[in-house]
N, C-alpha and C. Protein backbone atom coordinates (compact mmCIF):
# COMPACT_ATOMS: atom_id res chain seq x y z
N MET A 1 157.44 82.90 128.21
CA MET A 1 158.11 83.04 129.49
C MET A 1 158.32 81.65 130.10
N PRO A 2 159.51 81.37 130.63
CA PRO A 2 159.74 80.05 131.19
C PRO A 2 158.98 79.84 132.50
N LYS A 3 158.85 78.57 132.84
CA LYS A 3 158.21 78.24 134.11
C LYS A 3 159.07 78.73 135.27
N MET A 4 158.41 79.08 136.37
CA MET A 4 159.15 79.50 137.56
C MET A 4 159.52 78.26 138.37
N LYS A 5 160.67 78.32 139.02
CA LYS A 5 161.12 77.18 139.82
C LYS A 5 160.58 77.30 141.24
N THR A 6 160.13 76.18 141.77
CA THR A 6 159.70 76.10 143.16
C THR A 6 160.92 75.84 144.02
N ASN A 7 161.01 76.53 145.15
CA ASN A 7 162.08 76.26 146.11
C ASN A 7 161.72 74.94 146.80
N ARG A 8 162.48 73.89 146.55
CA ARG A 8 162.13 72.56 147.02
C ARG A 8 162.20 72.44 148.54
N GLY A 9 163.11 73.17 149.17
CA GLY A 9 163.19 73.15 150.62
C GLY A 9 161.93 73.72 151.25
N ALA A 10 161.42 74.80 150.67
CA ALA A 10 160.19 75.43 151.17
C ALA A 10 158.99 74.54 150.88
N ALA A 11 159.01 73.85 149.75
CA ALA A 11 157.87 72.99 149.39
C ALA A 11 157.69 71.85 150.38
N LYS A 12 158.79 71.40 150.99
CA LYS A 12 158.72 70.31 151.96
C LYS A 12 158.27 70.80 153.33
N ARG A 13 158.38 72.09 153.58
CA ARG A 13 158.10 72.63 154.91
C ARG A 13 156.76 73.35 155.04
N PHE A 14 156.23 73.84 153.93
CA PHE A 14 155.02 74.66 153.97
C PHE A 14 153.96 74.13 153.02
N ARG A 15 152.69 74.31 153.40
CA ARG A 15 151.56 73.95 152.55
C ARG A 15 150.62 75.13 152.49
N ALA A 16 150.05 75.38 151.34
CA ALA A 16 149.10 76.48 151.19
C ALA A 16 147.71 76.04 151.68
N THR A 17 147.00 76.96 152.32
CA THR A 17 145.63 76.69 152.73
C THR A 17 144.70 77.14 151.62
N SER A 18 143.41 76.90 151.78
CA SER A 18 142.45 77.27 150.74
C SER A 18 142.32 78.78 150.60
N LYS A 19 142.61 79.52 151.67
CA LYS A 19 142.53 80.98 151.63
C LYS A 19 143.81 81.62 151.10
N GLY A 20 144.80 80.80 150.76
CA GLY A 20 146.04 81.33 150.22
C GLY A 20 147.09 81.63 151.27
N ARG A 21 146.81 81.30 152.52
CA ARG A 21 147.81 81.45 153.56
C ARG A 21 148.67 80.19 153.59
N PHE A 22 149.66 80.17 154.46
CA PHE A 22 150.54 79.02 154.54
C PHE A 22 150.54 78.44 155.94
N LYS A 23 150.59 77.11 156.01
CA LYS A 23 150.72 76.47 157.31
C LYS A 23 152.05 75.75 157.38
N ARG A 24 152.52 75.59 158.61
CA ARG A 24 153.84 75.00 158.85
C ARG A 24 153.78 74.13 160.07
N GLY A 25 154.72 73.22 160.18
CA GLY A 25 154.84 72.40 161.37
C GLY A 25 155.61 73.16 162.44
N LYS A 26 155.36 72.83 163.68
CA LYS A 26 156.05 73.52 164.77
C LYS A 26 157.40 72.88 165.05
N SER A 27 158.29 73.66 165.60
CA SER A 27 159.64 73.19 165.92
C SER A 27 159.69 72.62 167.34
N PHE A 28 160.86 72.19 167.75
CA PHE A 28 161.13 71.65 169.09
C PHE A 28 160.49 70.29 169.33
N ARG A 29 160.35 69.47 168.29
CA ARG A 29 159.75 68.16 168.50
C ARG A 29 160.58 67.04 167.89
N ARG A 30 161.86 67.26 167.71
CA ARG A 30 162.73 66.27 167.07
C ARG A 30 163.45 65.38 168.08
N HIS A 31 164.01 65.98 169.12
CA HIS A 31 164.78 65.20 170.09
C HIS A 31 164.71 65.89 171.45
N ILE A 32 165.32 65.26 172.47
CA ILE A 32 165.25 65.73 173.86
C ILE A 32 163.79 65.89 174.27
N LEU A 33 163.03 64.82 174.07
CA LEU A 33 161.59 64.87 174.34
C LEU A 33 161.24 64.43 175.76
N THR A 34 162.18 63.82 176.46
CA THR A 34 161.84 63.28 177.79
C THR A 34 161.55 64.38 178.79
N LYS A 35 162.22 65.49 178.68
CA LYS A 35 162.01 66.56 179.65
C LYS A 35 160.80 67.45 179.31
N LYS A 36 160.25 67.29 178.13
CA LYS A 36 159.08 68.08 177.74
C LYS A 36 157.81 67.37 178.19
N SER A 37 156.86 68.16 178.64
CA SER A 37 155.63 67.56 179.16
C SER A 37 154.79 66.97 178.02
N THR A 38 153.92 66.06 178.37
CA THR A 38 153.04 65.43 177.38
C THR A 38 152.16 66.47 176.72
N LYS A 39 151.68 67.41 177.50
CA LYS A 39 150.82 68.48 176.96
C LYS A 39 151.57 69.31 175.93
N ARG A 40 152.80 69.65 176.26
CA ARG A 40 153.61 70.46 175.34
C ARG A 40 153.86 69.72 174.03
N LYS A 41 154.19 68.43 174.13
CA LYS A 41 154.46 67.64 172.92
C LYS A 41 153.20 67.47 172.08
N ARG A 42 152.07 67.31 172.74
CA ARG A 42 150.79 67.17 172.02
C ARG A 42 150.45 68.46 171.28
N GLN A 43 150.68 69.59 171.93
CA GLN A 43 150.37 70.87 171.29
C GLN A 43 151.32 71.19 170.13
N LEU A 44 152.52 70.62 170.17
CA LEU A 44 153.47 70.83 169.08
C LEU A 44 153.10 70.04 167.83
N ARG A 45 152.19 69.07 167.96
CA ARG A 45 151.75 68.31 166.78
C ARG A 45 150.93 69.15 165.82
N ALA A 46 150.15 70.06 166.36
CA ALA A 46 149.20 70.84 165.54
C ALA A 46 149.95 71.79 164.62
N PRO A 47 149.50 71.93 163.37
CA PRO A 47 150.16 72.88 162.48
C PRO A 47 149.88 74.32 162.90
N SER A 48 150.77 75.20 162.52
CA SER A 48 150.66 76.61 162.85
C SER A 48 150.60 77.40 161.55
N GLU A 49 150.13 78.62 161.61
CA GLU A 49 150.04 79.45 160.42
C GLU A 49 151.26 80.36 160.34
N VAL A 50 151.76 80.54 159.15
CA VAL A 50 152.91 81.42 158.95
C VAL A 50 152.45 82.86 159.13
N CYS A 51 153.27 83.65 159.77
CA CYS A 51 152.92 85.05 160.04
C CYS A 51 152.76 85.81 158.72
N ALA A 52 151.89 86.81 158.72
CA ALA A 52 151.54 87.55 157.50
C ALA A 52 152.74 88.25 156.88
N ALA A 53 153.69 88.68 157.69
CA ALA A 53 154.87 89.38 157.17
C ALA A 53 155.76 88.46 156.34
N ASP A 54 155.72 87.15 156.62
CA ASP A 54 156.57 86.21 155.88
C ASP A 54 155.88 85.62 154.66
N SER A 55 154.60 85.84 154.52
CA SER A 55 153.85 85.24 153.42
C SER A 55 154.29 85.70 152.03
N PRO A 56 154.59 86.99 151.80
CA PRO A 56 155.04 87.39 150.45
C PRO A 56 156.31 86.67 150.01
N MET A 57 157.23 86.44 150.96
CA MET A 57 158.46 85.72 150.64
C MET A 57 158.14 84.29 150.22
N LEU A 58 157.20 83.65 150.95
CA LEU A 58 156.81 82.28 150.62
C LEU A 58 156.08 82.21 149.29
N ARG A 59 155.33 83.25 148.98
CA ARG A 59 154.61 83.29 147.71
C ARG A 59 155.60 83.25 146.54
N ARG A 60 156.75 83.90 146.71
CA ARG A 60 157.77 83.86 145.65
C ARG A 60 158.46 82.50 145.59
N MET A 61 158.65 81.87 146.75
CA MET A 61 159.33 80.57 146.77
C MET A 61 158.44 79.44 146.28
N LEU A 62 157.11 79.60 146.49
CA LEU A 62 156.15 78.57 146.08
C LEU A 62 155.14 79.18 145.11
N PRO A 63 155.57 79.45 143.88
CA PRO A 63 154.68 80.17 142.96
C PRO A 63 153.44 79.40 142.55
N TYR A 64 153.47 78.07 142.67
CA TYR A 64 152.31 77.27 142.23
C TYR A 64 151.51 76.70 143.38
N ALA A 65 151.77 77.16 144.61
CA ALA A 65 151.05 76.65 145.78
C ALA A 65 149.73 77.38 145.95
């Protein structure tokens, strides 16, 4: 059986945790940052966990993660 291909776009956006879940970076931190509070920008730095309903789709896109 041939090797499965990793979706490269997903590989750049998601990382697997040790428990097999996925973490992702938060959005809204690219531009128009002057009107956002310092607290809001600081909290957007922390990674977030992908919701359980989306995990099976990511498992197919990242078969070796």
